[in-house]
């Protein structure tokens, strides 16, 4: 009975390992760089963003989404 539990645990660990490996290889793919003659390459919107700034933007987006969700869920009082 213990062997069956151990086999299940090892199988679950192997599945998790494969999923993690697949996700890590998908994250390693780097998007293609813009062509030097491309007009949008000189646009300020395509300027590189630091990790700190990107994290701040994501935090702000999450906060805005949560605020919007909270506003839609507000219920009037039945007084």
C-alpha atoms as a PDB file:
ATOM      1  CA  UNK A   1       0.000   0.000   0.000  1.00  0.00           C
ATOM      2  CA  UNK A   2       2.860   2.352   0.801  1.00  0.00           C
ATOM      3  CA  UNK A   3       4.505   1.504  -2.524  1.00  0.00           C
ATOM      4  CA  UNK A   4       1.362   2.585  -4.352  1.00  0.00           C
ATOM      5  CA  UNK A   5       1.398   5.905  -2.505  1.00  0.00           C
ATOM      6  CA  UNK A   6       5.070   6.370  -3.288  1.00  0.00           C
ATOM      7  CA  UNK A   7       4.496   5.605  -6.982  1.00  0.00           C
ATOM      8  CA  UNK A   8       1.666   8.138  -7.071  1.00  0.00           C
ATOM      9  CA  UNK A   9       3.835  10.752  -5.415  1.00  0.00           C
ATOM     10  CA  UNK A  10       6.700  10.167  -7.851  1.00  0.00           C
ATOM     11  CA  UNK A  11       4.284  10.304 -10.791  1.00  0.00           C
ATOM     12  CA  UNK A  12       2.801  13.586  -9.580  1.00  0.00           C
ATOM     13  CA  UNK A  13       6.287  15.034  -9.090  1.00  0.00           C
ATOM     14  CA  UNK A  14       7.265  13.985 -12.616  1.00  0.00           C
ATOM     15  CA  UNK A  15       4.171  15.639 -14.075  1.00  0.00           C
ATOM     16  CA  UNK A  16       4.842  18.864 -12.187  1.00  0.00           C
ATOM     17  CA  UNK A  17       8.466  18.787 -13.332  1.00  0.00           C
ATOM     18  CA  UNK A  18       7.426  18.430 -16.968  1.00  0.00           C
ATOM     19  CA  UNK A  19       4.935  21.281 -16.702  1.00  0.00           C
ATOM     20  CA  UNK A  20       7.532  23.549 -15.079  1.00  0.00           C
ATOM     21  CA  UNK A  21      10.090  22.672 -17.745  1.00  0.00           C
ATOM     22  CA  UNK A  22       7.577  23.422 -20.491  1.00  0.00           C
ATOM     23  CA  UNK A  23       6.701  26.788 -18.927  1.00  0.00           C
ATOM     24  CA  UNK A  24      10.333  27.761 -18.467  1.00  0.00           C
ATOM     25  CA  UNK A  25      11.193  26.996 -22.086  1.00  0.00           C
ATOM     26  CA  UNK A  26       8.166  29.002 -23.227  1.00  0.00           C
ATOM     27  CA  UNK A  27       9.340  31.975 -21.167  1.00  0.00           C
ATOM     28  CA  UNK A  28      12.842  31.758 -22.640  1.00  0.00           C
ATOM     29  CA  UNK A  29      11.573  32.593 -26.138  1.00  0.00           C
ATOM     30  CA  UNK A  30      12.636  36.154 -26.910  1.00  0.00           C
ATOM     31  CA  UNK A  31      10.440  38.238 -29.233  1.00  0.00           C
ATOM     32  CA  UNK A  32      12.028  39.392 -32.480  1.00  0.00           C
ATOM     33  CA  UNK A  33      13.720  42.795 -32.386  1.00  0.00           C
ATOM     34  CA  UNK A  34      12.229  45.524 -34.602  1.00  0.00           C
ATOM     35  CA  UNK A  35      13.929  46.174 -37.934  1.00  0.00           C
ATOM     36  CA  UNK A  36      16.274  49.191 -37.904  1.00  0.00           C
ATOM     37  CA  UNK A  37      14.424  50.874 -40.793  1.00  0.00           C
ATOM     38  CA  UNK A  38      11.051  50.447 -39.114  1.00  0.00           C
ATOM     39  CA  UNK A  39       9.354  53.788 -38.327  1.00  0.00           C
ATOM     40  CA  UNK A  40       7.894  52.485 -35.059  1.00  0.00           C
ATOM     41  CA  UNK A  41      11.364  51.652 -33.733  1.00  0.00           C
ATOM     42  CA  UNK A  42      12.019  55.339 -33.099  1.00  0.00           C
ATOM     43  CA  UNK A  43       8.690  55.838 -31.318  1.00  0.00           C
ATOM     44  CA  UNK A  44       8.938  56.482 -27.569  1.00  0.00           C
ATOM     45  CA  UNK A  45       6.334  53.760 -26.904  1.00  0.00           C
ATOM     46  CA  UNK A  46       8.827  51.091 -27.975  1.00  0.00           C
ATOM     47  CA  UNK A  47      11.521  52.324 -25.575  1.00  0.00           C
ATOM     48  CA  UNK A  48      12.822  49.540 -23.315  1.00  0.00           C
ATOM     49  CA  UNK A  49      11.105  49.381 -19.954  1.00  0.00           C
ATOM     50  CA  UNK A  50      12.988  48.387 -16.821  1.00  0.00           C
ATOM     51  CA  UNK A  51      11.785  45.460 -14.760  1.00  0.00           C
ATOM     52  CA  UNK A  52      10.947  47.787 -11.890  1.00  0.00           C
ATOM     53  CA  UNK A  53       8.770  49.983 -14.117  1.00  0.00           C
ATOM     54  CA  UNK A  54       7.104  46.946 -15.674  1.00  0.00           C
ATOM     55  CA  UNK A  55       6.348  45.519 -12.224  1.00  0.00           C
ATOM     56  CA  UNK A  56       4.869  48.863 -11.163  1.00  0.00           C
ATOM     57  CA  UNK A  57       2.677  48.910 -14.273  1.00  0.00           C
ATOM     58  CA  UNK A  58       1.429  45.383 -13.611  1.00  0.00           C
ATOM     59  CA  UNK A  59       0.668  46.239  -9.990  1.00  0.00           C
ATOM     60  CA  UNK A  60      -1.276  49.306 -11.113  1.00  0.00           C
ATOM     61  CA  UNK A  61      -3.234  47.279 -13.671  1.00  0.00           C
ATOM     62  CA  UNK A  62      -4.150  44.677 -11.045  1.00  0.00           C
ATOM     63  CA  UNK A  63      -5.186  47.406  -8.603  1.00  0.00           C
ATOM     64  CA  UNK A  64      -7.335  49.084 -11.266  1.00  0.00           C
ATOM     65  CA  UNK A  65      -8.957  45.765 -12.194  1.00  0.00           C
ATOM     66  CA  UNK A  66      -9.731  44.975  -8.547  1.00  0.00           C
ATOM     67  CA  UNK A  67     -11.175  48.447  -7.998  1.00  0.00           C
ATOM     68  CA  UNK A  68     -13.367  48.092 -11.081  1.00  0.00           C
ATOM     69  CA  UNK A  69     -14.552  44.662  -9.939  1.00  0.00           C
ATOM     70  CA  UNK A  70     -15.340  45.998  -6.468  1.00  0.00           C
ATOM     71  CA  UNK A  71     -17.391  48.857  -7.923  1.00  0.00           C
ATOM     72  CA  UNK A  72     -19.533  46.492  -9.986  1.00  0.00           C
ATOM     73  CA  UNK A  73     -20.206  44.324  -6.921  1.00  0.00           C
ATOM     74  CA  UNK A  74     -21.424  47.134  -4.645  1.00  0.00           C
ATOM     75  CA  UNK A  75     -25.001  46.501  -3.613  1.00  0.00           C
ATOM     76  CA  UNK A  76     -27.424  49.149  -2.414  1.00  0.00           C
ATOM     77  CA  UNK A  77     -28.665  48.884   1.150  1.00  0.00           C
ATOM     78  CA  UNK A  78     -32.187  47.587   1.624  1.00  0.00           C
ATOM     79  CA  UNK A  79     -32.971  50.065   4.409  1.00  0.00           C
END
